[in-house]
Amino acid sequence: MTKIVFSDIDGTLLNPQYQITPLTLKAIKDLQNNGIPFVIISARSPSGIYPILEEYSFNCPIISYSGALILDENKNILFHKGIKKAAARKIIEFMEENHFDLAWCIYSYDEWFVKDKNDPRIINEEAEVKAYASQGSVDCITADEVSKILCICNPLELLETERKLKEAFPDYSIAKSSDCLLEIMENGITKASAIRTLSTIWDFQLSDAVAFGDNYNDAEMLQLAGYGFLMGNAPDELKKRIRLHTSDNSHDGIYHALSGLKLV
């Protein structure tokens, strides 16, 4: 029996116009009315997630920074594991010394700092997530830890940038989340580790979990959940690896999968 449903945001919950379609929203509210928790799991910061909940008038627990921060529906912290500031500083210095073609972002809880607020890549990211960065460095972070470092890369150089970062920092979790995004988290932090952590906190079996995602940083989570659905808009390579598929994010993939499971 399904006990919980997890959903990625970009490319999954939201369509290409960054909207939740009416049928998908109905599915979320039907789940909640039936007592089945709906949990958002995303590489986004909390400030990039909560405006979605406000716009569509529902509330739910969130897993932010691909698992580095878990908050319940009342915004209480259930789990956090970040990169020490000194280590984050070394990673940023390595990027600068190698002159990678990227714009870096540093996140800690709900703080977001970037090197240059006028960088078009940052302006575009702000528009997409409906949140705003501050210009600064690792030293501007209030907390002792950095939740995530995001690299907005030149797509033509992303794979080489990823290779060099993984080679230089093998003890960190480095994941490609789109054709231009690299996410860097503390060792062991993945979306799969997050749903495993929450299953321990809330005492449910992963075989009773449904999960939705569309990209490489979702793959392990989809394989771990009892019902892990890959969206129709996902890369072809992932479609060979993930067993269950649903419609794309423009055509209510979440709704159709949940309907097929008779959950909505």
C-alpha atoms as a PDB file:
ATOM      1  CA  MET A   1       0.000   0.000   0.000  1.00  0.00           C
ATOM      2  CA  THR A   2       1.370   3.404  -0.991  1.00  0.00           C
ATOM      3  CA  LYS A   3       2.299   5.480   2.076  1.00  0.00           C
ATOM      4  CA  ILE A   4       3.998   8.541   0.546  1.00  0.00           C
ATOM      5  CA  VAL A   5       4.642  10.337  -2.785  1.00  0.00           C
ATOM      6  CA  PHE A   6       7.798  12.296  -3.669  1.00  0.00           C
ATOM      7  CA  SER A   7       8.124  14.696  -6.599  1.00  0.00           C
ATOM      8  CA  ASP A   8      10.955  16.661  -8.151  1.00  0.00           C
ATOM      9  CA  ILE A   9      10.048  20.198  -9.263  1.00  0.00           C
ATOM     10  CA  ASP A  10      11.726  21.333 -12.477  1.00  0.00           C
ATOM     11  CA  GLY A  11      10.809  19.179 -15.447  1.00  0.00           C
ATOM     12  CA  THR A  12       8.468  17.123 -13.261  1.00  0.00           C
ATOM     13  CA  LEU A  13       5.984  18.993 -11.077  1.00  0.00           C
ATOM     14  CA  LEU A  14       6.207  22.145 -13.206  1.00  0.00           C
ATOM     15  CA  ASN A  15       5.536  22.266 -16.941  1.00  0.00           C
ATOM     16  CA  PRO A  16       7.862  24.189 -19.334  1.00  0.00           C
ATOM     17  CA  GLN A  17       6.025  27.412 -18.405  1.00  0.00           C
ATOM     18  CA  TYR A  18       6.910  26.775 -14.722  1.00  0.00           C
ATOM     19  CA  GLN A  19       3.291  26.031 -13.831  1.00  0.00           C
ATOM     20  CA  ILE A  20       1.500  23.162 -12.086  1.00  0.00           C
ATOM     21  CA  THR A  21      -1.208  21.977 -14.450  1.00  0.00           C
ATOM     22  CA  PRO A  22      -4.781  21.682 -13.099  1.00  0.00           C
ATOM     23  CA  LEU A  23      -4.868  17.872 -13.198  1.00  0.00           C
ATOM     24  CA  THR A  24      -1.543  17.577 -11.414  1.00  0.00           C
ATOM     25  CA  LEU A  25      -2.705  20.021  -8.740  1.00  0.00           C
ATOM     26  CA  LYS A  26      -5.909  17.980  -8.350  1.00  0.00           C
ATOM     27  CA  ALA A  27      -3.783  14.854  -7.866  1.00  0.00           C
ATOM     28  CA  ILE A  28      -1.766  16.510  -5.080  1.00  0.00           C
ATOM     29  CA  LYS A  29      -4.876  17.649  -3.225  1.00  0.00           C
ATOM     30  CA  ASP A  30      -6.565  14.251  -3.696  1.00  0.00           C
ATOM     31  CA  LEU A  31      -3.516  12.542  -2.176  1.00  0.00           C
ATOM     32  CA  GLN A  32      -3.557  14.860   0.809  1.00  0.00           C
ATOM     33  CA  ASN A  33      -7.313  14.414   1.273  1.00  0.00           C
ATOM     34  CA  ASN A  34      -6.710  10.648   1.281  1.00  0.00           C
ATOM     35  CA  GLY A  35      -4.060  10.987   3.995  1.00  0.00           C
ATOM     36  CA  ILE A  36      -1.085  10.229   1.740  1.00  0.00           C
ATOM     37  CA  PRO A  37       1.783  12.716   2.251  1.00  0.00           C
ATOM     38  CA  PHE A  38       3.013  14.549  -0.839  1.00  0.00           C
ATOM     39  CA  VAL A  39       6.650  15.640  -0.449  1.00  0.00           C
ATOM     40  CA  ILE A  40       8.532  17.956  -2.785  1.00  0.00           C
ATOM     41  CA  ILE A  41      12.152  16.899  -3.324  1.00  0.00           C
ATOM     42  CA  SER A  42      14.314  19.324  -5.255  1.00  0.00           C
ATOM     43  CA  ALA A  43      17.775  20.775  -5.718  1.00  0.00           C
ATOM     44  CA  ARG A  44      16.136  24.185  -5.132  1.00  0.00           C
ATOM     45  CA  SER A  45      16.496  26.194  -1.933  1.00  0.00           C
ATOM     46  CA  PRO A  46      13.475  26.587   0.379  1.00  0.00           C
ATOM     47  CA  SER A  47      12.974  30.125  -0.975  1.00  0.00           C
ATOM     48  CA  GLY A  48      12.716  28.597  -4.453  1.00  0.00           C
ATOM     49  CA  ILE A  49      10.079  26.108  -3.296  1.00  0.00           C
ATOM     50  CA  TYR A  50       7.725  27.939  -0.928  1.00  0.00           C
ATOM     51  CA  PRO A  51       6.466  30.450  -3.544  1.00  0.00           C
ATOM     52  CA  ILE A  52       5.089  27.456  -5.490  1.00  0.00           C
ATOM     53  CA  LEU A  53       3.145  26.256  -2.455  1.00  0.00           C
ATOM     54  CA  GLU A  54       1.802  29.754  -1.869  1.00  0.00           C
ATOM     55  CA  GLU A  55       0.797  30.265  -5.493  1.00  0.00           C
ATOM     56  CA  TYR A  56      -1.132  26.986  -5.629  1.00  0.00           C
ATOM     57  CA  SER A  57      -2.538  27.086  -2.085  1.00  0.00           C
ATOM     58  CA  PHE A  58      -1.248  23.855  -0.631  1.00  0.00           C
ATOM     59  CA  ASN A  59       1.305  22.935   1.995  1.00  0.00           C
ATOM     60  CA  CYS A  60       3.625  19.962   2.300  1.00  0.00           C
ATOM     61  CA  PRO A  61       6.997  18.827   3.655  1.00  0.00           C
ATOM     62  CA  ILE A  62       9.978  19.689   1.461  1.00  0.00           C
ATOM     63  CA  ILE A  63      13.357  18.130   0.791  1.00  0.00           C
ATOM     64  CA  SER A  64      15.676  20.897  -0.367  1.00  0.00           C
ATOM     65  CA  TYR A  65      19.191  20.976  -1.852  1.00  0.00           C
ATOM     66  CA  SER A  66      18.755  17.408  -3.169  1.00  0.00           C
ATOM     67  CA  GLY A  67      18.556  16.086   0.385  1.00  0.00           C
ATOM     68  CA  ALA A  68      20.854  18.343   2.399  1.00  0.00           C
ATOM     69  CA  LEU A  69      17.867  19.942   4.174  1.00  0.00           C
ATOM     70  CA  ILE A  70      14.542  18.319   5.116  1.00  0.00           C
ATOM     71  CA  LEU A  71      11.696  20.415   6.530  1.00  0.00           C
ATOM     72  CA  ASP A  72       8.277  19.261   7.682  1.00  0.00           C
ATOM     73  CA  GLU A  73       5.048  21.022   6.682  1.00  0.00           C
ATOM     74  CA  ASN A  74       5.530  23.472   9.565  1.00  0.00           C
ATOM     75  CA  LYS A  75       9.077  24.346   8.389  1.00  0.00           C
ATOM     76  CA  ASN A  76      10.679  22.492  11.300  1.00  0.00           C
ATOM     77  CA  ILE A  77      14.116  21.093  10.407  1.00  0.00           C
ATOM     78  CA  LEU A  78      14.089  17.301  10.384  1.00  0.00           C
ATOM     79  CA  PHE A  79      17.574  16.873   8.906  1.00  0.00           C
ATOM     80  CA  HIS A  80      20.497  18.955   7.685  1.00  0.00           C
ATOM     81  CA  LYS A  81      23.955  18.033   6.482  1.00  0.00           C
ATOM     82  CA  GLY A  82      26.129  20.642   4.765  1.00  0.00           C
ATOM     83  CA  ILE A  83      29.678  21.319   3.558  1.00  0.00           C
ATOM     84  CA  LYS A  84      31.985  22.991   6.074  1.00  0.00           C
ATOM     85  CA  LYS A  85      32.700  26.597   5.090  1.00  0.00           C
ATOM     86  CA  ALA A  86      36.459  26.006   4.788  1.00  0.00           C
ATOM     87  CA  ALA A  87      35.861  23.134   2.361  1.00  0.00           C
ATOM     88  CA  ALA A  88      33.329  25.167   0.361  1.00  0.00           C
ATOM     89  CA  ARG A  89      35.897  27.950   0.099  1.00  0.00           C
ATOM     90  CA  LYS A  90      38.430  25.494  -1.390  1.00  0.00           C
ATOM     91  CA  ILE A  91      35.908  24.302  -3.979  1.00  0.00           C
ATOM     92  CA  ILE A  92      35.125  27.869  -5.075  1.00  0.00           C
ATOM     93  CA  GLU A  93      38.847  28.711  -5.225  1.00  0.00           C
ATOM     94  CA  PHE A  94      39.450  25.639  -7.401  1.00  0.00           C
ATOM     95  CA  MET A  95      36.738  26.789  -9.847  1.00  0.00           C
ATOM     96  CA  GLU A  96      38.217  30.281 -10.014  1.00  0.00           C
ATOM     97  CA  GLU A  97      41.792  29.029 -10.492  1.00  0.00           C
ATOM     98  CA  ASN A  98      40.695  26.749 -13.343  1.00  0.00           C
ATOM     99  CA  HIS A  99      38.669  29.523 -15.022  1.00  0.00           C
ATOM    100  CA  PHE A 100      35.678  27.251 -15.579  1.00  0.00           C
ATOM    101  CA  ASP A 101      32.949  28.823 -17.729  1.00  0.00           C
ATOM    102  CA  LEU A 102      30.296  28.860 -15.026  1.00  0.00           C
ATOM    103  CA  ALA A 103      28.468  31.019 -12.506  1.00  0.00           C
ATOM    104  CA  TRP A 104      28.608  29.615  -8.981  1.00  0.00           C
ATOM    105  CA  CYS A 105      25.970  29.931  -6.289  1.00  0.00           C
ATOM    106  CA  ILE A 106      26.403  29.225  -2.579  1.00  0.00           C
ATOM    107  CA  TYR A 107      23.377  28.259  -0.502  1.00  0.00           C
ATOM    108  CA  SER A 108      23.013  27.823   3.253  1.00  0.00           C
ATOM    109  CA  TYR A 109      19.560  27.170   4.671  1.00  0.00           C
ATOM    110  CA  ASP A 110      17.720  30.106   3.041  1.00  0.00           C
ATOM    111  CA  GLU A 111      20.734  32.269   2.146  1.00  0.00           C
ATOM    112  CA  TRP A 112      21.918  32.508  -1.467  1.00  0.00           C
ATOM    113  CA  PHE A 113      25.165  34.224  -2.452  1.00  0.00           C
ATOM    114  CA  VAL A 114      26.711  34.633  -5.904  1.00  0.00           C
ATOM    115  CA  LYS A 115      29.863  36.208  -7.272  1.00  0.00           C
ATOM    116  CA  ASP A 116      28.074  38.585  -9.668  1.00  0.00           C
ATOM    117  CA  LYS A 117      24.365  39.414  -9.485  1.00  0.00           C
ATOM    118  CA  ASN A 118      24.556  40.933 -12.972  1.00  0.00           C
ATOM    119  CA  ASP A 119      25.675  37.678 -14.598  1.00  0.00           C
ATOM    120  CA  PRO A 120      22.896  36.760 -17.097  1.00  0.00           C
ATOM    121  CA  ARG A 121      22.972  33.173 -15.826  1.00  0.00           C
ATOM    122  CA  ILE A 122      22.162  34.360 -12.308  1.00  0.00           C
ATOM    123  CA  ILE A 123      19.437  36.697 -13.567  1.00  0.00           C
ATOM    124  CA  ASN A 124      17.866  33.781 -15.441  1.00  0.00           C
ATOM    125  CA  GLU A 125      18.087  31.491 -12.384  1.00  0.00           C
ATOM    126  CA  GLU A 126      16.401  34.150 -10.228  1.00  0.00           C
ATOM    127  CA  ALA A 127      13.574  34.441 -12.753  1.00  0.00           C
ATOM    128  CA  GLU A 128      13.063  30.684 -12.864  1.00  0.00           C
ATOM    129  CA  VAL A 129      12.969  30.065  -9.109  1.00  0.00           C
ATOM    130  CA  LYS A 130      11.303  33.398  -8.196  1.00  0.00           C
ATOM    131  CA  ALA A 131      13.910  34.089  -5.508  1.00  0.00           C
ATOM    132  CA  TYR A 132      16.776  36.566  -5.366  1.00  0.00           C
ATOM    133  CA  ALA A 133      20.479  36.167  -4.659  1.00  0.00           C
ATOM    134  CA  SER A 134      22.839  38.439  -2.758  1.00  0.00           C
ATOM    135  CA  GLN A 135      26.316  39.255  -4.020  1.00  0.00           C
ATOM    136  CA  GLY A 136      29.006  37.833  -1.764  1.00  0.00           C
ATOM    137  CA  SER A 137      31.242  34.896  -0.862  1.00  0.00           C
ATOM    138  CA  VAL A 138      31.429  31.893   1.436  1.00  0.00           C
ATOM    139  CA  ASP A 139      32.379  34.250   4.258  1.00  0.00           C
ATOM    140  CA  CYS A 140      28.958  35.917   4.019  1.00  0.00           C
ATOM    141  CA  ILE A 141      27.186  32.724   5.068  1.00  0.00           C
ATOM    142  CA  THR A 142      25.721  33.047   8.569  1.00  0.00           C
ATOM    143  CA  ALA A 143      25.742  29.346   9.469  1.00  0.00           C
ATOM    144  CA  ASP A 144      28.762  27.062   9.855  1.00  0.00           C
ATOM    145  CA  GLU A 145      27.850  24.997   6.821  1.00  0.00           C
ATOM    146  CA  VAL A 146      27.017  25.469   3.140  1.00  0.00           C
ATOM    147  CA  SER A 147      23.971  23.445   2.120  1.00  0.00           C
ATOM    148  CA  LYS A 148      24.872  23.342  -1.572  1.00  0.00           C
ATOM    149  CA  ILE A 149      27.097  24.826  -4.256  1.00  0.00           C
ATOM    150  CA  LEU A 150      25.382  25.190  -7.635  1.00  0.00           C
ATOM    151  CA  CYS A 151      27.363  25.589 -10.857  1.00  0.00           C
ATOM    152  CA  ILE A 152      25.493  27.073 -13.821  1.00  0.00           C
ATOM    153  CA  CYS A 153      27.788  25.855 -16.588  1.00  0.00           C
ATOM    154  CA  ASN A 154      28.384  26.273 -20.275  1.00  0.00           C
ATOM    155  CA  PRO A 155      26.566  23.133 -21.539  1.00  0.00           C
ATOM    156  CA  LEU A 156      29.438  22.382 -23.927  1.00  0.00           C
ATOM    157  CA  GLU A 157      31.870  22.259 -21.008  1.00  0.00           C
ATOM    158  CA  LEU A 158      29.704  20.732 -18.297  1.00  0.00           C
ATOM    159  CA  LEU A 159      30.955  17.146 -18.584  1.00  0.00           C
ATOM    160  CA  GLU A 160      34.602  18.207 -18.468  1.00  0.00           C
ATOM    161  CA  THR A 161      33.900  20.536 -15.542  1.00  0.00           C
ATOM    162  CA  GLU A 162      32.117  17.689 -13.753  1.00  0.00           C
ATOM    163  CA  ARG A 163      35.050  15.330 -14.388  1.00  0.00           C
ATOM    164  CA  LYS A 164      37.606  17.772 -13.013  1.00  0.00           C
ATOM    165  CA  LEU A 165      35.535  18.594  -9.931  1.00  0.00           C
ATOM    166  CA  LYS A 166      34.948  14.916  -9.134  1.00  0.00           C
ATOM    167  CA  GLU A 167      38.659  14.223  -9.594  1.00  0.00           C
ATOM    168  CA  ALA A 168      39.662  17.102  -7.307  1.00  0.00           C
ATOM    169  CA  PHE A 169      36.918  16.555  -4.701  1.00  0.00           C
ATOM    170  CA  PRO A 170      36.101  12.826  -4.647  1.00  0.00           C
ATOM    171  CA  ASP A 171      34.634  12.980  -1.144  1.00  0.00           C
ATOM    172  CA  TYR A 172      31.672  15.165  -2.147  1.00  0.00           C
ATOM    173  CA  SER A 173      28.383  14.389  -3.847  1.00  0.00           C
ATOM    174  CA  ILE A 174      28.520  15.987  -7.315  1.00  0.00           C
ATOM    175  CA  ALA A 175      25.509  15.470  -9.584  1.00  0.00           C
ATOM    176  CA  LYS A 176      24.374  16.742 -12.970  1.00  0.00           C
ATOM    177  CA  SER A 177      20.775  17.988 -12.693  1.00  0.00           C
ATOM    178  CA  SER A 178      20.334  19.400 -16.211  1.00  0.00           C
ATOM    179  CA  ASP A 179      22.356  20.129 -19.345  1.00  0.00           C
ATOM    180  CA  CYS A 180      23.868  23.170 -17.645  1.00  0.00           C
ATOM    181  CA  LEU A 181      23.614  22.537 -13.883  1.00  0.00           C
ATOM    182  CA  LEU A 182      25.998  20.797 -11.492  1.00  0.00           C
ATOM    183  CA  GLU A 183      25.041  20.376  -7.835  1.00  0.00           C
ATOM    184  CA  ILE A 184      27.740  19.916  -5.171  1.00  0.00           C
ATOM    185  CA  MET A 185      26.676  18.645  -1.739  1.00  0.00           C
ATOM    186  CA  GLU A 186      28.281  17.024   1.288  1.00  0.00           C
ATOM    187  CA  ASN A 187      29.368  13.395   0.909  1.00  0.00           C
ATOM    188  CA  GLY A 188      26.419  10.993   0.832  1.00  0.00           C
ATOM    189  CA  ILE A 189      23.782  13.621   0.091  1.00  0.00           C
ATOM    190  CA  THR A 190      21.501  12.550  -2.756  1.00  0.00           C
ATOM    191  CA  LYS A 191      17.775  12.441  -3.322  1.00  0.00           C
ATOM    192  CA  ALA A 192      17.952   8.692  -2.683  1.00  0.00           C
ATOM    193  CA  SER A 193      19.672   9.212   0.665  1.00  0.00           C
ATOM    194  CA  ALA A 194      17.009  11.798   1.544  1.00  0.00           C
ATOM    195  CA  ILE A 195      14.036   9.488   1.050  1.00  0.00           C
ATOM    196  CA  ARG A 196      15.929   6.793   2.955  1.00  0.00           C
ATOM    197  CA  THR A 197      16.485   9.245   5.825  1.00  0.00           C
ATOM    198  CA  LEU A 198      12.833  10.280   5.863  1.00  0.00           C
ATOM    199  CA  SER A 199      11.713   6.637   5.803  1.00  0.00           C
ATOM    200  CA  THR A 200      13.639   6.164   9.052  1.00  0.00           C
ATOM    201  CA  ILE A 201      12.251   9.342  10.659  1.00  0.00           C
ATOM    202  CA  TRP A 202       8.643   8.635   9.646  1.00  0.00           C
ATOM    203  CA  ASP A 203       8.833   4.833   9.713  1.00  0.00           C
ATOM    204  CA  PHE A 204       7.630   3.797   6.277  1.00  0.00           C
ATOM    205  CA  GLN A 205       8.967   1.216   3.839  1.00  0.00           C
ATOM    206  CA  LEU A 206      10.606   2.500   0.654  1.00  0.00           C
ATOM    207  CA  SER A 207       8.720  -0.216  -1.212  1.00  0.00           C
ATOM    208  CA  ASP A 208       5.567   1.744  -0.287  1.00  0.00           C
ATOM    209  CA  ALA A 209       6.899   4.998  -1.785  1.00  0.00           C
ATOM    210  CA  VAL A 210       6.096   6.566  -5.162  1.00  0.00           C
ATOM    211  CA  ALA A 211       8.617   9.004  -6.678  1.00  0.00           C
ATOM    212  CA  PHE A 212       8.703  11.194  -9.775  1.00  0.00           C
ATOM    213  CA  GLY A 213      11.722  12.748 -11.521  1.00  0.00           C
ATOM    214  CA  ASP A 214      13.118  13.680 -14.880  1.00  0.00           C
ATOM    215  CA  ASN A 215      16.903  13.929 -14.667  1.00  0.00           C
ATOM    216  CA  TYR A 216      20.186  12.318 -13.679  1.00  0.00           C
ATOM    217  CA  ASN A 217      20.079  13.433 -10.056  1.00  0.00           C
ATOM    218  CA  ASP A 218      16.669  11.708  -9.731  1.00  0.00           C
ATOM    219  CA  ALA A 219      17.755   8.312 -11.083  1.00  0.00           C
ATOM    220  CA  GLU A 220      18.931   6.676  -7.858  1.00  0.00           C
ATOM    221  CA  MET A 221      15.801   7.855  -6.021  1.00  0.00           C
ATOM    222  CA  LEU A 222      13.552   6.415  -8.742  1.00  0.00           C
ATOM    223  CA  GLN A 223      15.368   3.089  -8.526  1.00  0.00           C
ATOM    224  CA  LEU A 224      15.084   3.035  -4.723  1.00  0.00           C
ATOM    225  CA  ALA A 225      11.358   3.822  -4.449  1.00  0.00           C
ATOM    226  CA  GLY A 226       8.861   1.016  -4.868  1.00  0.00           C
ATOM    227  CA  TYR A 227       7.292   2.942  -7.751  1.00  0.00           C
ATOM    228  CA  GLY A 228       9.797   5.324  -9.338  1.00  0.00           C
ATOM    229  CA  PHE A 229       8.368   7.054 -12.399  1.00  0.00           C
ATOM    230  CA  LEU A 230      10.524   8.798 -14.994  1.00  0.00           C
ATOM    231  CA  MET A 231       8.849  11.665 -16.830  1.00  0.00           C
ATOM    232  CA  GLY A 232       8.376  11.426 -20.597  1.00  0.00           C
ATOM    233  CA  ASN A 233      10.552  14.529 -21.107  1.00  0.00           C
ATOM    234  CA  ALA A 234      13.583  12.839 -19.489  1.00  0.00           C
ATOM    235  CA  PRO A 235      16.818  12.150 -21.439  1.00  0.00           C
ATOM    236  CA  ASP A 236      16.690   9.008 -23.597  1.00  0.00           C
ATOM    237  CA  GLU A 237      19.666   7.540 -21.750  1.00  0.00           C
ATOM    238  CA  LEU A 238      17.683   7.538 -18.501  1.00  0.00           C
ATOM    239  CA  LYS A 239      14.701   5.887 -20.171  1.00  0.00           C
ATOM    240  CA  LYS A 240      16.891   2.815 -20.694  1.00  0.00           C
ATOM    241  CA  ARG A 241      17.817   2.720 -16.995  1.00  0.00           C
ATOM    242  CA  ILE A 242      14.503   3.452 -15.266  1.00  0.00           C
ATOM    243  CA  ARG A 243      11.774   0.805 -15.419  1.00  0.00           C
ATOM    244  CA  LEU A 244       8.592   2.888 -14.970  1.00  0.00           C
ATOM    245  CA  HIS A 245       7.713   5.798 -17.270  1.00  0.00           C
ATOM    246  CA  THR A 246       4.841   8.286 -17.361  1.00  0.00           C
ATOM    247  CA  SER A 247       3.720  11.167 -19.592  1.00  0.00           C
ATOM    248  CA  ASP A 248       5.817  14.325 -19.860  1.00  0.00           C
ATOM    249  CA  ASN A 249       5.498  17.390 -17.638  1.00  0.00           C
ATOM    250  CA  SER A 250       3.323  19.137 -20.231  1.00  0.00           C
ATOM    251  CA  HIS A 251       0.769  16.324 -20.191  1.00  0.00           C
ATOM    252  CA  ASP A 252       0.134  15.567 -16.505  1.00  0.00           C
ATOM    253  CA  GLY A 253       2.624  12.743 -16.062  1.00  0.00           C
ATOM    254  CA  ILE A 254       2.218  12.798 -12.275  1.00  0.00           C
ATOM    255  CA  TYR A 255      -1.589  12.677 -12.448  1.00  0.00           C
ATOM    256  CA  HIS A 256      -1.659   9.821 -14.964  1.00  0.00           C
ATOM    257  CA  ALA A 257       0.786   7.670 -12.990  1.00  0.00           C
ATOM    258  CA  LEU A 258      -1.095   8.192  -9.716  1.00  0.00           C
ATOM    259  CA  SER A 259      -4.397   7.546 -11.471  1.00  0.00           C
ATOM    260  CA  GLY A 260      -2.954   4.303 -12.846  1.00  0.00           C
ATOM    261  CA  LEU A 261      -2.030   3.318  -9.282  1.00  0.00           C
ATOM    262  CA  LYS A 262      -5.618   4.210  -8.215  1.00  0.00           C
ATOM    263  CA  LEU A 263      -4.343   6.779  -5.736  1.00  0.00           C
ATOM    264  CA  VAL A 264      -6.326   9.701  -7.211  1.00  0.00           C
END
